[in-house]
Protein backbone atom coordinates (compact mmCIF):
# COMPACT_ATOMS: atom_id res chain seq x y z
CA MET A 1 17.44 -2.94 -12.32
CA SER A 2 16.83 -1.00 -9.13
CA ILE A 3 14.04 1.46 -8.43
CA LEU A 4 14.15 3.93 -5.56
CA ILE A 5 10.88 5.01 -3.93
CA ILE A 6 11.12 8.35 -2.05
CA ASP A 7 8.13 9.48 0.04
CA ASP A 8 7.97 10.82 3.59
CA ASN A 9 4.92 8.64 4.16
CA ARG A 10 6.27 5.16 5.09
CA ASP A 11 2.92 3.55 4.20
CA ILE A 12 3.10 4.91 0.62
CA CYS A 13 6.66 3.65 0.31
CA ASP A 14 5.66 0.17 1.53
CA LEU A 15 2.59 0.09 -0.75
CA ILE A 16 4.60 0.94 -3.89
CA LEU A 17 7.41 -1.41 -2.81
CA ASN A 18 5.02 -4.36 -2.50
CA ILE A 19 3.41 -3.55 -5.92
CA LEU A 20 6.83 -3.45 -7.61
CA LEU A 21 8.06 -6.61 -5.86
CA SER A 22 4.90 -8.43 -7.00
CA GLU A 23 5.91 -7.47 -10.57
CA ASP A 24 9.41 -9.02 -9.96
CA LEU A 25 11.03 -5.60 -9.98
CA GLU A 26 13.92 -4.72 -7.64
CA ALA A 27 13.13 -1.72 -5.38
CA THR A 28 14.31 0.14 -2.34
CA THR A 29 12.56 2.75 -0.23
CA CYS A 30 13.51 6.00 1.42
CA SER A 31 10.99 7.54 3.82
CA ASN A 32 13.39 10.30 4.91
CA PRO A 33 13.97 12.58 1.96
CA LEU A 34 17.02 14.11 3.64
CA GLU A 35 18.77 10.73 3.16
CA ALA A 36 17.78 10.43 -0.52
CA ALA A 37 21.08 11.75 -1.98
CA ASP A 38 23.14 9.25 0.02
CA ILE A 39 20.86 6.35 -0.99
CA ILE A 40 20.96 7.45 -4.64
CA SER A 41 24.78 7.40 -4.67
CA ARG A 42 24.86 4.04 -2.95
CA VAL A 43 22.03 2.20 -4.82
CA LYS A 44 22.48 3.87 -8.22
CA PRO A 45 18.82 3.39 -9.22
CA LYS A 46 17.70 3.34 -12.81
CA LEU A 47 14.36 4.89 -11.79
CA ILE A 48 13.19 7.09 -8.93
CA ILE A 49 9.57 7.37 -7.89
CA THR A 50 9.21 10.44 -5.62
CA ASP A 51 6.48 12.42 -4.04
CA MET A 52 6.38 16.13 -4.83
CA LEU A 53 5.51 17.53 -1.38
CA MET A 54 7.59 16.06 1.42
CA SER A 55 8.86 17.36 4.73
CA GLY A 56 12.54 18.08 4.70
CA VAL A 57 13.16 18.10 0.99
CA ASP A 58 10.73 19.12 -1.70
CA GLY A 59 10.47 16.61 -4.55
CA ARG A 60 10.92 19.37 -7.13
CA THR A 61 14.18 20.42 -5.55
CA LEU A 62 15.34 16.80 -5.35
CA CYS A 63 14.60 16.33 -9.10
CA GLN A 64 16.49 19.51 -10.01
CA LYS A 65 19.53 18.30 -8.06
CA ILE A 66 19.39 14.90 -9.73
CA ARG A 67 19.17 16.52 -13.21
CA ALA A 68 22.02 18.93 -12.47
CA ASP A 69 24.46 16.21 -11.46
CA ASN A 70 26.29 14.43 -14.33
CA ALA A 71 26.37 11.19 -12.19
CA THR A 72 22.59 11.08 -11.81
CA LYS A 73 21.13 13.16 -14.68
CA ASP A 74 20.10 10.08 -16.70
CA ILE A 75 18.07 8.46 -13.93
CA LYS A 76 14.38 8.26 -14.94
CA ILE A 77 12.02 10.00 -12.55
CA ILE A 78 8.32 9.60 -11.86
CA MET A 79 6.86 12.33 -9.65
CA MET A 80 3.67 11.71 -7.65
CA SER A 81 1.29 14.14 -6.03
CA ALA A 82 -2.32 14.75 -5.19
CA HIS A 83 -1.84 18.53 -5.62
CA PRO A 84 -3.98 19.81 -8.53
CA ASP A 85 -1.15 21.78 -10.23
CA ALA A 86 1.48 19.09 -9.67
CA LYS A 87 1.59 17.68 -13.19
CA LYS A 88 2.45 21.02 -14.73
CA GLU A 89 4.97 21.81 -11.96
CA SER A 90 6.62 18.37 -12.39
CA GLU A 91 7.16 19.04 -16.09
CA ASN A 92 9.09 22.20 -15.16
CA VAL A 93 11.68 20.18 -13.22
CA GLY A 94 12.35 17.62 -15.91
CA VAL A 95 10.63 14.46 -14.69
CA ASP A 96 9.97 11.66 -17.13
CA ASP A 97 6.42 10.94 -16.06
CA PHE A 98 3.78 11.94 -13.51
CA LEU A 99 1.45 9.86 -11.37
CA ALA A 100 -1.52 11.48 -9.76
CA LYS A 101 -2.42 10.30 -6.22
CA PRO A 102 -4.50 8.31 -5.53
CA PHE A 103 -3.26 6.11 -8.32
CA GLU A 104 -4.34 2.84 -9.93
CA ILE A 105 -1.89 -0.02 -9.53
CA ASP A 106 -1.98 -0.70 -13.28
CA ASP A 107 -1.05 2.93 -14.00
CA LEU A 108 1.91 2.74 -11.70
CA VAL A 109 3.14 -0.50 -13.11
CA ASN A 110 2.71 0.62 -16.74
CA LYS A 111 4.57 3.92 -16.16
CA VAL A 112 7.45 1.98 -14.46
CA LYS A 113 7.68 -0.61 -17.24
CA ASN A 114 7.56 2.09 -19.93
CA LEU A 115 10.58 3.92 -18.39
CA LEU A 116 12.78 0.94 -17.71
CA PRO A 117 14.77 -0.64 -20.56
């Protein structure tokens, strides 16, 4: 059961990776959003955790592309952001859940476990 973490901040990727690994979950990181599509096709994650505002590729655009592709449309997506309007905006691009930054570890873990079979 793989999870892909996409955030242009390497420290955030590493933090979330360590949290998920401590829960015995399999995860991979991508700190260059421009490489996300290649990693998605190679890793075939069941869940993607992505930031909304990233340099290179906006998380909303990334989610729309994932939802529009038959090969990836069923991947679960959690969008994260500290932006005040982000939750509403994330709903408009079809994400499965939203995580406000800064987040509590328990909130992250619960959201992940709720979305994975």
